[in-house]
Amino acid sequence: EWIDVRTFGQVFAFKGEEVSFGVRGPVSIHQAVS
Protein backbone atom coordinates (compact mmCIF):
# COMPACT_ATOMS: atom_id res chain seq x y z
CA GLU A 1 0.00 0.00 0.00
CA TRP A 2 2.69 2.54 1.00
CA ILE A 3 6.14 2.97 -0.54
CA ASP A 4 7.71 4.53 2.57
CA VAL A 5 6.65 1.53 4.69
CA ARG A 6 8.40 -0.92 2.37
CA THR A 7 11.41 1.41 2.07
CA PHE A 8 12.10 2.55 5.65
CA GLY A 9 9.88 0.19 7.65
CA GLN A 10 7.20 1.16 10.15
CA VAL A 11 5.79 0.09 13.49
CA PHE A 12 2.01 -0.36 13.52
CA ALA A 13 0.88 -0.23 17.14
CA PHE A 14 -2.41 1.53 17.84
CA LYS A 15 -4.13 2.11 21.17
CA GLY A 16 -7.16 -0.10 21.58
CA GLU A 17 -6.09 -2.64 18.94
CA GLU A 18 -4.97 -6.13 19.89
CA VAL A 19 -2.81 -6.45 16.78
CA SER A 20 0.48 -4.67 16.43
CA PHE A 21 3.22 -5.46 13.95
CA GLY A 22 6.44 -4.05 12.63
CA VAL A 23 7.82 -3.84 9.12
CA ARG A 24 11.56 -3.82 8.71
CA GLY A 25 12.64 -1.79 5.69
CA PRO A 26 15.86 -2.33 3.74
CA VAL A 27 16.82 1.36 3.70
CA SER A 28 18.30 3.00 6.78
CA ILE A 29 19.19 6.67 6.86
CA HIS A 30 21.71 8.19 9.24
CA GLN A 31 22.35 11.75 10.33
CA ALA A 32 24.31 13.90 7.87
CA VAL A 33 27.26 16.03 9.00
CA SER A 34 28.90 18.83 7.05
PDB file of all heavy atoms in Angstrom:
ATOM      1  N   GLU A   1       0.804  -1.226   0.000  1.00  0.00           N
ATOM      2  CA  GLU A   1       0.000   0.000   0.000  1.00  0.00           C
ATOM      3  C   GLU A   1       0.842   1.284   0.000  1.00  0.00           C
ATOM      4  O   GLU A   1       0.523   2.239  -0.690  1.00  0.00           O
ATOM      5  CB  GLU A   1      -0.913  -0.021   1.232  1.00  0.00           C
ATOM      6  CG  GLU A   1      -2.044   0.932   1.196  1.00  0.00           C
ATOM      7  CD  GLU A   1      -3.130   0.544   0.220  1.00  0.00           C
ATOM      8  OE1 GLU A   1      -3.256  -0.641  -0.144  1.00  0.00           O
ATOM      9  OE2 GLU A   1      -3.868   1.449  -0.185  1.00  0.00           O
ATOM     10  N   TRP A   2       1.921   1.305   0.801  1.00  0.00           N
ATOM     11  CA  TRP A   2       2.685   2.544   0.998  1.00  0.00           C
ATOM     12  C   TRP A   2       4.172   2.318   0.736  1.00  0.00           C
ATOM     13  O   TRP A   2       4.811   1.463   1.353  1.00  0.00           O
ATOM     14  CB  TRP A   2       2.493   3.049   2.424  1.00  0.00           C
ATOM     15  CG  TRP A   2       1.066   3.367   2.749  1.00  0.00           C
ATOM     16  CD1 TRP A   2       0.333   4.422   2.289  1.00  0.00           C
ATOM     17  CD2 TRP A   2       0.192   2.629   3.616  1.00  0.00           C
ATOM     18  NE1 TRP A   2      -0.931   4.387   2.807  1.00  0.00           N
ATOM     19  CE2 TRP A   2      -1.048   3.296   3.633  1.00  0.00           C
ATOM     20  CE3 TRP A   2       0.341   1.480   4.392  1.00  0.00           C
ATOM     21  CZ2 TRP A   2      -2.134   2.855   4.382  1.00  0.00           C
ATOM     22  CZ3 TRP A   2      -0.736   1.039   5.125  1.00  0.00           C
ATOM     23  CH2 TRP A   2      -1.956   1.720   5.122  1.00  0.00           C
ATOM     24  N   ILE A   3       4.741   3.143  -0.148  1.00  0.00           N
ATOM     25  CA  ILE A   3       6.140   2.968  -0.543  1.00  0.00           C
ATOM     26  C   ILE A   3       7.109   3.271   0.603  1.00  0.00           C
ATOM     27  O   ILE A   3       8.156   2.634   0.710  1.00  0.00           O
ATOM     28  CB  ILE A   3       6.483   3.807  -1.796  1.00  0.00           C
ATOM     29  CG1 ILE A   3       7.850   3.388  -2.341  1.00  0.00           C
ATOM     30  CG2 ILE A   3       6.412   5.300  -1.499  1.00  0.00           C
ATOM     31  CD1 ILE A   3       8.185   3.967  -3.700  1.00  0.00           C
ATOM     32  N   ASP A   4       6.789   4.216   1.471  1.00  0.00           N
ATOM     33  CA  ASP A   4       7.710   4.527   2.567  1.00  0.00           C
ATOM     34  C   ASP A   4       7.756   3.419   3.611  1.00  0.00           C
ATOM     35  O   ASP A   4       8.776   3.210   4.256  1.00  0.00           O
ATOM     36  CB  ASP A   4       7.404   5.879   3.208  1.00  0.00           C
ATOM     37  CG  ASP A   4       6.016   5.963   3.831  1.00  0.00           C
ATOM     38  OD1 ASP A   4       5.081   5.314   3.311  1.00  0.00           O
ATOM     39  OD2 ASP A   4       5.856   6.700   4.824  1.00  0.00           O
ATOM     40  N   VAL A   5       6.657   2.660   3.754  1.00  0.00           N
ATOM     41  CA  VAL A   5       6.653   1.530   4.688  1.00  0.00           C
ATOM     42  C   VAL A   5       7.597   0.449   4.175  1.00  0.00           C
ATOM     43  O   VAL A   5       8.414  -0.088   4.926  1.00  0.00           O
ATOM     44  CB  VAL A   5       5.230   0.962   4.889  1.00  0.00           C
ATOM     45  CG1 VAL A   5       5.259  -0.323   5.701  1.00  0.00           C
ATOM     46  CG2 VAL A   5       4.338   1.995   5.558  1.00  0.00           C
ATOM     47  N   ARG A   6       7.513   0.132   2.884  1.00  0.00           N
ATOM     48  CA  ARG A   6       8.396  -0.925   2.366  1.00  0.00           C
ATOM     49  C   ARG A   6       9.822  -0.442   2.211  1.00  0.00           C
ATOM     50  O   ARG A   6      10.738  -1.244   2.147  1.00  0.00           O
ATOM     51  CB  ARG A   6       7.850  -1.524   1.082  1.00  0.00           C
ATOM     52  CG  ARG A   6       7.933  -0.700  -0.147  1.00  0.00           C
ATOM     53  CD  ARG A   6       7.474  -1.545  -1.356  1.00  0.00           C
ATOM     54  NE  ARG A   6       7.332  -0.770  -2.544  1.00  0.00           N
ATOM     55  CZ  ARG A   6       6.194  -0.252  -2.987  1.00  0.00           C
ATOM     56  NH1 ARG A   6       5.084  -0.458  -2.318  1.00  0.00           N
ATOM     57  NH2 ARG A   6       6.161   0.448  -4.090  1.00  0.00           N
ATOM     58  N   THR A   7      10.050   0.873   2.195  1.00  0.00           N
ATOM     59  CA  THR A   7      11.406   1.408   2.074  1.00  0.00           C
ATOM     60  C   THR A   7      12.093   1.523   3.427  1.00  0.00           C
ATOM     61  O   THR A   7      13.157   0.954   3.645  1.00  0.00           O
ATOM     62  CB  THR A   7      11.369   2.790   1.393  1.00  0.00           C
ATOM     63  OG1 THR A   7      10.731   2.666   0.123  1.00  0.00           O
ATOM     64  CG2 THR A   7      12.768   3.331   1.195  1.00  0.00           C
ATOM     65  N   PHE A   8      11.473   2.267   4.357  1.00  0.00           N
ATOM     66  CA  PHE A   8      12.096   2.547   5.653  1.00  0.00           C
ATOM     67  C   PHE A   8      11.620   1.630   6.770  1.00  0.00           C
ATOM     68  O   PHE A   8      12.246   1.567   7.823  1.00  0.00           O
ATOM     69  CB  PHE A   8      11.810   3.994   6.078  1.00  0.00           C
ATOM     70  CG  PHE A   8      12.231   5.023   5.081  1.00  0.00           C
ATOM     71  CD1 PHE A   8      11.329   5.934   4.587  1.00  0.00           C
ATOM     72  CD2 PHE A   8      13.536   5.084   4.633  1.00  0.00           C
ATOM     73  CE1 PHE A   8      11.702   6.894   3.669  1.00  0.00           C
ATOM     74  CE2 PHE A   8      13.921   6.035   3.713  1.00  0.00           C
ATOM     75  CZ  PHE A   8      13.008   6.945   3.227  1.00  0.00           C
ATOM     76  N   GLY A   9      10.473   0.966   6.577  1.00  0.00           N
ATOM     77  CA  GLY A   9       9.876   0.185   7.650  1.00  0.00           C
ATOM     78  C   GLY A   9       8.937   1.058   8.464  1.00  0.00           C
ATOM     79  O   GLY A   9       8.886   2.277   8.288  1.00  0.00           O
ATOM     80  N   GLN A  10       8.173   0.421   9.342  1.00  0.00           N
ATOM     81  CA  GLN A  10       7.200   1.161  10.146  1.00  0.00           C
ATOM     82  C   GLN A  10       6.704   0.248  11.260  1.00  0.00           C
ATOM     83  O   GLN A  10       6.587  -0.951  11.073  1.00  0.00           O
ATOM     84  CB  GLN A  10       6.015   1.586   9.274  1.00  0.00           C
ATOM     85  CG  GLN A  10       4.955   2.392   9.960  1.00  0.00           C
ATOM     86  CD  GLN A  10       5.435   3.777  10.341  1.00  0.00           C
ATOM     87  OE1 GLN A  10       6.163   4.411   9.589  1.00  0.00           O
ATOM     88  NE2 GLN A  10       5.050   4.227  11.511  1.00  0.00           N
ATOM     89  N   VAL A  11       6.416   0.824  12.402  1.00  0.00           N
ATOM     90  CA  VAL A  11       5.790   0.090  13.491  1.00  0.00           C
ATOM     91  C   VAL A  11       4.314   0.454  13.491  1.00  0.00           C
ATOM     92  O   VAL A  11       3.956   1.635  13.509  1.00  0.00           O
ATOM     93  CB  VAL A  11       6.428   0.432  14.850  1.00  0.00           C
ATOM     94  CG1 VAL A  11       5.679  -0.240  15.989  1.00  0.00           C
ATOM     95  CG2 VAL A  11       7.889   0.022  14.863  1.00  0.00           C
ATOM     96  N   PHE A  12       3.449  -0.548  13.461  1.00  0.00           N
ATOM     97  CA  PHE A  12       2.006  -0.363  13.519  1.00  0.00           C
ATOM     98  C   PHE A  12       1.532  -0.842  14.884  1.00  0.00           C
ATOM     99  O   PHE A  12       1.368  -2.036  15.107  1.00  0.00           O
ATOM    100  CB  PHE A  12       1.310  -1.163  12.411  1.00  0.00           C
ATOM    101  CG  PHE A  12       1.531  -0.613  11.030  1.00  0.00           C
ATOM    102  CD1 PHE A  12       2.681  -0.926  10.319  1.00  0.00           C
ATOM    103  CD2 PHE A  12       0.596   0.219  10.451  1.00  0.00           C
ATOM    104  CE1 PHE A  12       2.890  -0.421   9.047  1.00  0.00           C
ATOM    105  CE2 PHE A  12       0.795   0.731   9.178  1.00  0.00           C
ATOM    106  CZ  PHE A  12       1.952   0.410   8.479  1.00  0.00           C
ATOM    107  N   ALA A  13       1.354   0.090  15.799  1.00  0.00           N
ATOM    108  CA  ALA A  13       0.876  -0.227  17.145  1.00  0.00           C
ATOM    109  C   ALA A  13      -0.103   0.869  17.535  1.00  0.00           C
ATOM    110  O   ALA A  13       0.303   2.003  17.768  1.00  0.00           O
ATOM    111  CB  ALA A  13       2.036  -0.281  18.129  1.00  0.00           C
ATOM    112  N   PHE A  14      -1.386   0.530  17.580  1.00  0.00           N
ATOM    113  CA  PHE A  14      -2.408   1.527  17.843  1.00  0.00           C
ATOM    114  C   PHE A  14      -3.138   1.207  19.136  1.00  0.00           C
ATOM    115  O   PHE A  14      -3.461   0.054  19.417  1.00  0.00           O
ATOM    116  CB  PHE A  14      -3.407   1.591  16.683  1.00  0.00           C
ATOM    117  CG  PHE A  14      -2.764   1.947  15.373  1.00  0.00           C
ATOM    118  CD1 PHE A  14      -2.651   1.015  14.364  1.00  0.00           C
ATOM    119  CD2 PHE A  14      -2.265   3.223  15.164  1.00  0.00           C
ATOM    120  CE1 PHE A  14      -2.060   1.340  13.154  1.00  0.00           C
ATOM    121  CE2 PHE A  14      -1.677   3.564  13.958  1.00  0.00           C
ATOM    122  CZ  PHE A  14      -1.574   2.626  12.950  1.00  0.00           C
ATOM    123  N   LYS A  15      -3.408   2.242  19.903  1.00  0.00           N
ATOM    124  CA  LYS A  15      -4.127   2.105  21.166  1.00  0.00           C
ATOM    125  C   LYS A  15      -5.506   1.501  20.901  1.00  0.00           C
ATOM    126  O   LYS A  15      -6.207   1.894  19.982  1.00  0.00           O
ATOM    127  CB  LYS A  15      -4.264   3.487  21.800  1.00  0.00           C
ATOM    128  CG  LYS A  15      -4.877   3.472  23.163  1.00  0.00           C
ATOM    129  CD  LYS A  15      -4.892   4.884  23.738  1.00  0.00           C
ATOM    130  CE  LYS A  15      -5.475   4.884  25.122  1.00  0.00           C
ATOM    131  NZ  LYS A  15      -5.461   6.216  25.703  1.00  0.00           N
ATOM    132  N   GLY A  16      -5.841   0.514  21.701  1.00  0.00           N
ATOM    133  CA  GLY A  16      -7.155  -0.098  21.582  1.00  0.00           C
ATOM    134  C   GLY A  16      -7.208  -1.261  20.598  1.00  0.00           C
ATOM    135  O   GLY A  16      -8.227  -1.907  20.469  1.00  0.00           O
ATOM    136  N   GLU A  17      -6.130  -1.508  19.879  1.00  0.00           N
ATOM    137  CA  GLU A  17      -6.092  -2.638  18.940  1.00  0.00           C
ATOM    138  C   GLU A  17      -5.273  -3.759  19.550  1.00  0.00           C
ATOM    139  O   GLU A  17      -4.242  -3.521  20.172  1.00  0.00           O
ATOM    140  CB  GLU A  17      -5.470  -2.217  17.600  1.00  0.00           C
ATOM    141  CG  GLU A  17      -6.218  -1.136  16.867  1.00  0.00           C
ATOM    142  CD  GLU A  17      -7.545  -1.609  16.302  1.00  0.00           C
ATOM    143  OE1 GLU A  17      -7.792  -2.824  16.251  1.00  0.00           O
ATOM    144  OE2 GLU A  17      -8.346  -0.742  15.923  1.00  0.00           O
ATOM    145  N   GLU A  18      -5.703  -4.986  19.358  1.00  0.00           N
ATOM    146  CA  GLU A  18      -4.970  -6.134  19.891  1.00  0.00           C
ATOM    147  C   GLU A  18      -3.814  -6.534  18.981  1.00  0.00           C
ATOM    148  O   GLU A  18      -2.936  -7.275  19.393  1.00  0.00           O
ATOM    149  CB  GLU A  18      -5.913  -7.325  20.085  1.00  0.00           C
ATOM    150  CG  GLU A  18      -6.927  -7.090  21.186  1.00  0.00           C
ATOM    151  CD  GLU A  18      -7.787  -8.309  21.426  1.00  0.00           C
ATOM    152  OE1 GLU A  18      -7.297  -9.437  21.267  1.00  0.00           O
ATOM    153  OE2 GLU A  18      -8.959  -8.123  21.780  1.00  0.00           O
ATOM    154  N   VAL A  19      -3.834  -6.078  17.750  1.00  0.00           N
ATOM    155  CA  VAL A  19      -2.810  -6.454  16.784  1.00  0.00           C
ATOM    156  C   VAL A  19      -1.819  -5.311  16.615  1.00  0.00           C
ATOM    157  O   VAL A  19      -2.206  -4.178  16.372  1.00  0.00           O
ATOM    158  CB  VAL A  19      -3.440  -6.778  15.407  1.00  0.00           C
ATOM    159  CG1 VAL A  19      -2.374  -7.135  14.400  1.00  0.00           C
ATOM    160  CG2 VAL A  19      -4.441  -7.894  15.551  1.00  0.00           C
ATOM    161  N   SER A  20      -0.566  -5.613  16.778  1.00  0.00           N
ATOM    162  CA  SER A  20       0.484  -4.670  16.428  1.00  0.00           C
ATOM    163  C   SER A  20       1.537  -5.462  15.666  1.00  0.00           C
ATOM    164  O   SER A  20       1.722  -6.661  15.891  1.00  0.00           O
ATOM    165  CB  SER A  20       1.068  -4.005  17.671  1.00  0.00           C
ATOM    166  OG  SER A  20       1.661  -4.960  18.507  1.00  0.00           O
ATOM    167  N   PHE A  21       2.200  -4.777  14.747  1.00  0.00           N
ATOM    168  CA  PHE A  21       3.220  -5.457  13.955  1.00  0.00           C
ATOM    169  C   PHE A  21       4.231  -4.436  13.458  1.00  0.00           C
ATOM    170  O   PHE A  21       3.954  -3.241  13.405  1.00  0.00           O
ATOM    171  CB  PHE A  21       2.596  -6.226  12.782  1.00  0.00           C
ATOM    172  CG  PHE A  21       1.864  -5.365  11.788  1.00  0.00           C
ATOM    173  CD1 PHE A  21       2.501  -4.940  10.629  1.00  0.00           C
ATOM    174  CD2 PHE A  21       0.554  -4.980  12.001  1.00  0.00           C
ATOM    175  CE1 PHE A  21       1.834  -4.144   9.716  1.00  0.00           C
ATOM    176  CE2 PHE A  21      -0.119  -4.197  11.092  1.00  0.00           C
ATOM    177  CZ  PHE A  21       0.525  -3.771   9.945  1.00  0.00           C
ATOM    178  N   GLY A  22       5.394  -4.911  13.147  1.00  0.00           N
ATOM    179  CA  GLY A  22       6.444  -4.047  12.628  1.00  0.00           C
ATOM    180  C   GLY A  22       6.878  -4.517  11.259  1.00  0.00           C
ATOM    181  O   GLY A  22       6.836  -5.702  10.950  1.00  0.00           O
ATOM    182  N   VAL A  23       7.267  -3.561  10.441  1.00  0.00           N
ATOM    183  CA  VAL A  23       7.816  -3.844   9.119  1.00  0.00           C
ATOM    184  C   VAL A  23       9.246  -3.341   9.137  1.00  0.00           C
ATOM    185  O   VAL A  23       9.506  -2.203   9.515  1.00  0.00           O
ATOM    186  CB  VAL A  23       7.014  -3.128   8.006  1.00  0.00           C
ATOM    187  CG1 VAL A  23       7.644  -3.363   6.657  1.00  0.00           C
ATOM    188  CG2 VAL A  23       5.568  -3.570   8.021  1.00  0.00           C
ATOM    189  N   ARG A  24      10.148  -4.192   8.743  1.00  0.00           N
ATOM    190  CA  ARG A  24      11.558  -3.816   8.705  1.00  0.00           C
ATOM    191  C   ARG A  24      11.928  -3.477   7.267  1.00  0.00           C
ATOM    192  O   ARG A  24      11.841  -4.321   6.384  1.00  0.00           O
ATOM    193  CB  ARG A  24      12.400  -4.962   9.222  1.00  0.00           C
ATOM    194  CG  ARG A  24      13.775  -4.541   9.569  1.00  0.00           C
ATOM    195  CD  ARG A  24      14.473  -5.643  10.298  1.00  0.00           C
ATOM    196  NE  ARG A  24      15.786  -5.156  10.594  1.00  0.00           N
ATOM    197  CZ  ARG A  24      16.490  -5.502  11.618  1.00  0.00           C
ATOM    198  NH1 ARG A  24      16.004  -6.381  12.449  1.00  0.00           N
ATOM    199  NH2 ARG A  24      17.677  -5.013  11.818  1.00  0.00           N
ATOM    200  N   GLY A  25      12.304  -2.231   7.038  1.00  0.00           N
ATOM    201  CA  GLY A  25      12.645  -1.793   5.691  1.00  0.00           C
ATOM    202  C   GLY A  25      14.121  -1.973   5.389  1.00  0.00           C
ATOM    203  O   GLY A  25      14.955  -1.964   6.292  1.00  0.00           O
ATOM    204  N   PRO A  26      14.464  -2.114   4.121  1.00  0.00           N
ATOM    205  CA  PRO A  26      15.857  -2.334   3.737  1.00  0.00           C
ATOM    206  C   PRO A  26      16.704  -1.062   3.704  1.00  0.00           C
ATOM    207  O   PRO A  26      17.925  -1.138   3.615  1.00  0.00           O
ATOM    208  CB  PRO A  26      15.731  -2.931   2.335  1.00  0.00           C
ATOM    209  CG  PRO A  26      14.478  -2.343   1.797  1.00  0.00           C
ATOM    210  CD  PRO A  26      13.561  -2.218   2.983  1.00  0.00           C
ATOM    211  N   VAL A  27      16.073   0.098   3.799  1.00  0.00           N
ATOM    212  CA  VAL A  27      16.822   1.357   3.705  1.00  0.00           C
ATOM    213  C   VAL A  27      16.906   2.005   5.073  1.00  0.00           C
ATOM    214  O   VAL A  27      15.890   2.253   5.721  1.00  0.00           O
ATOM    215  CB  VAL A  27      16.144   2.337   2.710  1.00  0.00           C
ATOM    216  CG1 VAL A  27      16.890   3.660   2.659  1.00  0.00           C
ATOM    217  CG2 VAL A  27      16.058   1.714   1.332  1.00  0.00           C
ATOM    218  N   SER A  28      18.122   2.260   5.527  1.00  0.00           N
ATOM    219  CA  SER A  28      18.297   3.001   6.779  1.00  0.00           C
ATOM    220  C   SER A  28      19.060   4.286   6.466  1.00  0.00           C
ATOM    221  O   SER A  28      19.987   4.298   5.665  1.00  0.00           O
ATOM    222  CB  SER A  28      19.041   2.165   7.828  1.00  0.00           C
ATOM    223  OG  SER A  28      20.309   1.797   7.371  1.00  0.00           O
ATOM    224  N   ILE A  29      18.622   5.353   7.077  1.00  0.00           N
ATOM    225  CA  ILE A  29      19.191   6.675   6.861  1.00  0.00           C
ATOM    226  C   ILE A  29      19.844   7.115   8.166  1.00  0.00           C
ATOM    227  O   ILE A  29      19.273   6.933   9.244  1.00  0.00           O
ATOM    228  CB  ILE A  29      18.090   7.693   6.469  1.00  0.00           C
ATOM    229  CG1 ILE A  29      17.294   7.225   5.260  1.00  0.00           C
ATOM    230  CG2 ILE A  29      18.677   9.071   6.250  1.00  0.00           C
ATOM    231  CD1 ILE A  29      18.003   7.273   3.951  1.00  0.00           C
ATOM    232  N   HIS A  30      21.015   7.695   8.051  1.00  0.00           N
ATOM    233  CA  HIS A  30      21.707   8.194   9.235  1.00  0.00           C
ATOM    234  C   HIS A  30      21.867   9.699   9.133  1.00  0.00           C
ATOM    235  O   HIS A  30      21.740  10.284   8.063  1.00  0.00           O
ATOM    236  CB  HIS A  30      23.076   7.518   9.369  1.00  0.00           C
ATOM    237  CG  HIS A  30      22.967   6.037   9.528  1.00  0.00           C
ATOM    238  ND1 HIS A  30      22.713   5.445  10.728  1.00  0.00           N
ATOM    239  CD2 HIS A  30      23.022   5.033   8.621  1.00  0.00           C
ATOM    240  CE1 HIS A  30      22.633   4.130  10.558  1.00  0.00           C
ATOM    241  NE2 HIS A  30      22.806   3.862   9.285  1.00  0.00           N
ATOM    242  N   GLN A  31      22.161  10.302  10.255  1.00  0.00           N
ATOM    243  CA  GLN A  31      22.346  11.748  10.326  1.00  0.00           C
ATOM    244  C   GLN A  31      23.471  12.190   9.392  1.00  0.00           C
ATOM    245  O   GLN A  31      24.481  11.517   9.250  1.00  0.00           O
ATOM    246  CB  GLN A  31      22.696  12.097  11.772  1.00  0.00           C
ATOM    247  CG  GLN A  31      23.137  13.489  12.005  1.00  0.00           C
ATOM    248  CD  GLN A  31      23.465  13.697  13.468  1.00  0.00           C
ATOM    249  OE1 GLN A  31      22.632  13.400  14.309  1.00  0.00           O
ATOM    250  NE2 GLN A  31      24.634  14.185  13.757  1.00  0.00           N
ATOM    251  N   ALA A  32      23.284  13.337   8.756  1.00  0.00           N
ATOM    252  CA  ALA A  32      24.308  13.897   7.873  1.00  0.00           C
ATOM    253  C   ALA A  32      25.088  14.968   8.630  1.00  0.00           C
ATOM    254  O   ALA A  32      24.534  15.700   9.445  1.00  0.00           O
ATOM    255  CB  ALA A  32      23.658  14.502   6.644  1.00  0.00           C
ATOM    256  N   VAL A  33      26.392  15.039   8.356  1.00  0.00           N
ATOM    257  CA  VAL A  33      27.257  16.030   9.003  1.00  0.00           C
ATOM    258  C   VAL A  33      28.043  16.744   7.914  1.00  0.00           C
ATOM    259  O   VAL A  33      28.516  16.128   6.964  1.00  0.00           O
ATOM    260  CB  VAL A  33      28.230  15.330   9.995  1.00  0.00           C
ATOM    261  CG1 VAL A  33      29.133  16.352  10.672  1.00  0.00           C
ATOM    262  CG2 VAL A  33      27.465  14.537  11.030  1.00  0.00           C
ATOM    263  N   SER A  34      28.191  18.059   8.072  1.00  0.00           N
ATOM    264  CA  SER A  34      28.897  18.834   7.052  1.00  0.00           C
ATOM    265  C   SER A  34      30.388  18.532   7.055  1.00  0.00           C
ATOM    266  O   SER A  34      30.957  18.110   8.066  1.00  0.00           O
ATOM    267  CB  SER A  34      28.654  20.329   7.265  1.00  0.00           C
ATOM    268  OG  SER A  34      29.221  20.767   8.479  1.00  0.00           O
TER     269      SER A  34
END
